[in-house]
Amino acid sequence: MRLKLFAEGLESLRRQARVRVGDSLLTLASVKPGRQPIARFAEVTDRSAAEALRGRLVTVPRDALPPLADGEYYHADLIGLPCVGAEGEPLGAVVAVENFGAGDLIEVERADGRRALVPFREGIADLADGRIVLDPAFLA
């Protein structure tokens, strides 16, 4: 049966033989592109089974991901990184990464629990030595 997928990551998904959908490891039979891409899984044989997978997270093992070029990163690698100012003073930690179409935003949680979305751009938030060096003006 078919499962609708988000367009993001479609090409990467096509290269996978097996993917995890929720708690199930499934064999990817085909992926049909379109406004609402559709994947077909060998183990999902009827509409009810497909509907049961709606809203489930689709993941692949880390070692199945393509290698990164210099300056590239996976969003998952940013989550949990400490954020510091230019002098190394602690400012918080990355708790999420979002992209609404204009570039990546990191969500930084400060020690007091307040959160801020910060553009992940050179000079504002730089990835360096396993941490994010932030311009603290973007936390206000």
C-alpha atoms as a PDB file:
ATOM      1  CA  MET A   1       0.000   0.000   0.000  1.00  0.00           C
ATOM      2  CA  ARG A   2       1.054   3.650  -0.153  1.00  0.00           C
ATOM      3  CA  LEU A   3       2.212   6.098   2.479  1.00  0.00           C
ATOM      4  CA  LYS A   4       2.345   9.838   1.781  1.00  0.00           C
ATOM      5  CA  LEU A   5       5.721  11.399   2.520  1.00  0.00           C
ATOM      6  CA  PHE A   6       7.040  14.908   2.876  1.00  0.00           C
ATOM      7  CA  ALA A   7       8.923  16.057  -0.223  1.00  0.00           C
ATOM      8  CA  GLU A   8      12.026  16.938   1.816  1.00  0.00           C
ATOM      9  CA  GLY A   9      14.497  14.089   1.744  1.00  0.00           C
ATOM     10  CA  LEU A  10      12.783  12.274  -1.115  1.00  0.00           C
ATOM     11  CA  GLU A  11      15.959  11.665  -3.117  1.00  0.00           C
ATOM     12  CA  SER A  12      17.802  10.439  -0.056  1.00  0.00           C
ATOM     13  CA  LEU A  13      14.915   8.137   0.780  1.00  0.00           C
ATOM     14  CA  ARG A  14      14.967   6.580  -2.701  1.00  0.00           C
ATOM     15  CA  ARG A  15      18.495   5.311  -2.080  1.00  0.00           C
ATOM     16  CA  GLN A  16      17.372   3.259   0.936  1.00  0.00           C
ATOM     17  CA  ALA A  17      16.424  -0.411   0.831  1.00  0.00           C
ATOM     18  CA  ARG A  18      14.889  -0.484   4.324  1.00  0.00           C
ATOM     19  CA  VAL A  19      13.580   2.302   6.523  1.00  0.00           C
ATOM     20  CA  ARG A  20      12.104   2.492   9.986  1.00  0.00           C
ATOM     21  CA  VAL A  21       8.552   3.835  10.146  1.00  0.00           C
ATOM     22  CA  GLY A  22       7.626   4.297  13.787  1.00  0.00           C
ATOM     23  CA  ASP A  23       8.553   0.983  15.397  1.00  0.00           C
ATOM     24  CA  SER A  24       8.485  -1.031  12.162  1.00  0.00           C
ATOM     25  CA  LEU A  25      11.412  -1.836   9.873  1.00  0.00           C
ATOM     26  CA  LEU A  26      10.000  -1.822   6.327  1.00  0.00           C
ATOM     27  CA  THR A  27      11.301  -2.634   2.840  1.00  0.00           C
ATOM     28  CA  LEU A  28      10.957   0.306   0.466  1.00  0.00           C
ATOM     29  CA  ALA A  29       9.441  -1.001  -2.779  1.00  0.00           C
ATOM     30  CA  SER A  30       9.079   2.325  -4.623  1.00  0.00           C
ATOM     31  CA  VAL A  31       8.819   6.074  -4.228  1.00  0.00           C
ATOM     32  CA  LYS A  32       6.599   8.104  -6.521  1.00  0.00           C
ATOM     33  CA  PRO A  33       7.452  11.829  -6.729  1.00  0.00           C
ATOM     34  CA  GLY A  34       4.830  14.524  -6.881  1.00  0.00           C
ATOM     35  CA  ARG A  35       3.259  17.285  -4.866  1.00  0.00           C
ATOM     36  CA  GLN A  36       2.596  14.654  -2.227  1.00  0.00           C
ATOM     37  CA  PRO A  37       5.218  11.923  -2.776  1.00  0.00           C
ATOM     38  CA  ILE A  38       4.076   8.382  -2.088  1.00  0.00           C
ATOM     39  CA  ALA A  39       6.162   5.447  -0.894  1.00  0.00           C
ATOM     40  CA  ARG A  40       5.200   1.813  -1.306  1.00  0.00           C
ATOM     41  CA  PHE A  41       6.412  -0.711   1.258  1.00  0.00           C
ATOM     42  CA  ALA A  42       6.537  -4.447   0.590  1.00  0.00           C
ATOM     43  CA  GLU A  43       5.077  -5.281   4.015  1.00  0.00           C
ATOM     44  CA  VAL A  44       2.149  -2.842   3.781  1.00  0.00           C
ATOM     45  CA  THR A  45      -0.479  -4.614   1.697  1.00  0.00           C
ATOM     46  CA  ASP A  46      -3.748  -2.801   2.376  1.00  0.00           C
ATOM     47  CA  ARG A  47      -5.174   0.633   3.027  1.00  0.00           C
ATOM     48  CA  SER A  48      -5.787  -0.028   6.733  1.00  0.00           C
ATOM     49  CA  ALA A  49      -2.144  -0.945   7.279  1.00  0.00           C
ATOM     50  CA  ALA A  50      -1.048   2.194   5.428  1.00  0.00           C
ATOM     51  CA  GLU A  51      -3.425   4.390   7.454  1.00  0.00           C
ATOM     52  CA  ALA A  52      -1.957   2.940  10.662  1.00  0.00           C
ATOM     53  CA  LEU A  53       1.422   4.411   9.639  1.00  0.00           C
ATOM     54  CA  ARG A  54       0.064   7.945   9.083  1.00  0.00           C
ATOM     55  CA  GLY A  55       2.001  10.549  11.051  1.00  0.00           C
ATOM     56  CA  ARG A  56       4.815   8.159  11.965  1.00  0.00           C
ATOM     57  CA  LEU A  57       8.402   9.298  11.771  1.00  0.00           C
ATOM     58  CA  VAL A  58      10.420   7.792   8.878  1.00  0.00           C
ATOM     59  CA  THR A  59      14.097   7.277   9.733  1.00  0.00           C
ATOM     60  CA  VAL A  60      17.182   5.601   8.302  1.00  0.00           C
ATOM     61  CA  PRO A  61      20.300   4.377  10.119  1.00  0.00           C
ATOM     62  CA  ARG A  62      23.029   7.006  10.503  1.00  0.00           C
ATOM     63  CA  ASP A  63      25.512   4.896   8.505  1.00  0.00           C
ATOM     64  CA  ALA A  64      23.100   4.932   5.528  1.00  0.00           C
ATOM     65  CA  LEU A  65      23.363   8.713   5.187  1.00  0.00           C
ATOM     66  CA  PRO A  66      25.661  10.182   2.529  1.00  0.00           C
ATOM     67  CA  PRO A  67      29.001  11.617   3.678  1.00  0.00           C
ATOM     68  CA  LEU A  68      29.108  15.330   4.409  1.00  0.00           C
ATOM     69  CA  ALA A  69      31.232  17.868   2.563  1.00  0.00           C
ATOM     70  CA  ASP A  70      33.151  20.589   4.404  1.00  0.00           C
ATOM     71  CA  GLY A  71      30.751  23.059   5.975  1.00  0.00           C
ATOM     72  CA  GLU A  72      27.795  20.657   5.853  1.00  0.00           C
ATOM     73  CA  TYR A  73      26.016  19.196   8.867  1.00  0.00           C
ATOM     74  CA  TYR A  74      23.008  17.128   9.788  1.00  0.00           C
ATOM     75  CA  HIS A  75      20.418  18.902  11.938  1.00  0.00           C
ATOM     76  CA  ALA A  76      20.547  16.065  14.463  1.00  0.00           C
ATOM     77  CA  ASP A  77      24.245  16.785  15.031  1.00  0.00           C
ATOM     78  CA  LEU A  78      23.488  20.329  16.183  1.00  0.00           C
ATOM     79  CA  ILE A  79      20.921  19.402  18.831  1.00  0.00           C
ATOM     80  CA  GLY A  80      22.490  19.398  22.272  1.00  0.00           C
ATOM     81  CA  LEU A  81      25.532  21.468  21.308  1.00  0.00           C
ATOM     82  CA  PRO A  82      26.487  24.161  23.802  1.00  0.00           C
ATOM     83  CA  CYS A  83      26.172  27.786  22.702  1.00  0.00           C
ATOM     84  CA  VAL A  84      28.771  30.305  23.814  1.00  0.00           C
ATOM     85  CA  GLY A  85      29.608  33.957  23.210  1.00  0.00           C
ATOM     86  CA  ALA A  86      32.749  35.151  21.438  1.00  0.00           C
ATOM     87  CA  GLU A  87      34.692  35.027  24.708  1.00  0.00           C
ATOM     88  CA  GLY A  88      33.473  31.519  25.531  1.00  0.00           C
ATOM     89  CA  GLU A  89      30.813  32.576  28.051  1.00  0.00           C
ATOM     90  CA  PRO A  90      27.951  30.043  28.207  1.00  0.00           C
ATOM     91  CA  LEU A  91      24.724  31.212  26.556  1.00  0.00           C
ATOM     92  CA  GLY A  92      22.646  28.027  26.380  1.00  0.00           C
ATOM     93  CA  ALA A  93      22.256  24.938  24.230  1.00  0.00           C
ATOM     94  CA  VAL A  94      20.656  24.010  20.909  1.00  0.00           C
ATOM     95  CA  VAL A  95      17.338  22.237  21.546  1.00  0.00           C
ATOM     96  CA  ALA A  96      15.926  22.193  17.986  1.00  0.00           C
ATOM     97  CA  VAL A  97      16.705  23.091  14.392  1.00  0.00           C
ATOM     98  CA  GLU A  98      14.012  24.476  12.097  1.00  0.00           C
ATOM     99  CA  ASN A  99      13.913  25.489   8.457  1.00  0.00           C
ATOM    100  CA  PHE A 100      10.887  27.368   7.185  1.00  0.00           C
ATOM    101  CA  GLY A 101      12.399  27.923   3.724  1.00  0.00           C
ATOM    102  CA  ALA A 102      14.760  30.850   4.240  1.00  0.00           C
ATOM    103  CA  GLY A 103      17.563  28.945   5.950  1.00  0.00           C
ATOM    104  CA  ASP A 104      18.214  27.057   9.139  1.00  0.00           C
ATOM    105  CA  LEU A 105      17.250  28.448  12.527  1.00  0.00           C
ATOM    106  CA  ILE A 106      18.584  27.008  15.749  1.00  0.00           C
ATOM    107  CA  GLU A 107      16.430  27.125  18.851  1.00  0.00           C
ATOM    108  CA  VAL A 108      18.602  27.999  21.819  1.00  0.00           C
ATOM    109  CA  GLU A 109      17.478  27.360  25.375  1.00  0.00           C
ATOM    110  CA  ARG A 110      19.133  29.541  27.999  1.00  0.00           C
ATOM    111  CA  ALA A 111      19.854  28.453  31.577  1.00  0.00           C
ATOM    112  CA  ASP A 112      16.697  30.243  32.782  1.00  0.00           C
ATOM    113  CA  GLY A 113      14.543  28.212  30.361  1.00  0.00           C
ATOM    114  CA  ARG A 114      13.857  31.030  27.910  1.00  0.00           C
ATOM    115  CA  ARG A 115      14.226  30.091  24.258  1.00  0.00           C
ATOM    116  CA  ALA A 116      15.136  32.041  21.127  1.00  0.00           C
ATOM    117  CA  LEU A 117      15.304  31.208  17.422  1.00  0.00           C
ATOM    118  CA  VAL A 118      18.636  32.289  15.976  1.00  0.00           C
ATOM    119  CA  PRO A 119      19.575  32.306  12.264  1.00  0.00           C
ATOM    120  CA  PHE A 120      22.273  29.697  11.711  1.00  0.00           C
ATOM    121  CA  ARG A 121      24.396  32.006   9.588  1.00  0.00           C
ATOM    122  CA  GLU A 122      28.043  32.978   9.554  1.00  0.00           C
ATOM    123  CA  GLY A 123      28.756  35.787  11.993  1.00  0.00           C
ATOM    124  CA  ILE A 124      25.546  35.154  13.924  1.00  0.00           C
ATOM    125  CA  ALA A 125      25.901  31.491  14.876  1.00  0.00           C
ATOM    126  CA  ASP A 126      29.067  29.665  13.860  1.00  0.00           C
ATOM    127  CA  LEU A 127      29.782  25.970  14.347  1.00  0.00           C
ATOM    128  CA  ALA A 128      33.285  25.696  15.793  1.00  0.00           C
ATOM    129  CA  ASP A 129      34.977  22.930  17.769  1.00  0.00           C
ATOM    130  CA  GLY A 130      31.794  21.107  18.760  1.00  0.00           C
ATOM    131  CA  ARG A 131      29.917  24.190  19.917  1.00  0.00           C
ATOM    132  CA  ILE A 132      27.980  27.129  18.496  1.00  0.00           C
ATOM    133  CA  VAL A 133      29.544  30.569  18.870  1.00  0.00           C
ATOM    134  CA  LEU A 134      26.619  33.016  19.007  1.00  0.00           C
ATOM    135  CA  ASP A 135      26.143  36.740  18.798  1.00  0.00           C
ATOM    136  CA  PRO A 136      24.245  37.246  22.090  1.00  0.00           C
ATOM    137  CA  ALA A 137      22.239  40.124  20.596  1.00  0.00           C
ATOM    138  CA  PHE A 138      20.127  37.477  18.819  1.00  0.00           C
ATOM    139  CA  LEU A 139      19.026  35.969  22.144  1.00  0.00           C
ATOM    140  CA  ALA A 140      17.167  39.089  23.296  1.00  0.00           C
END
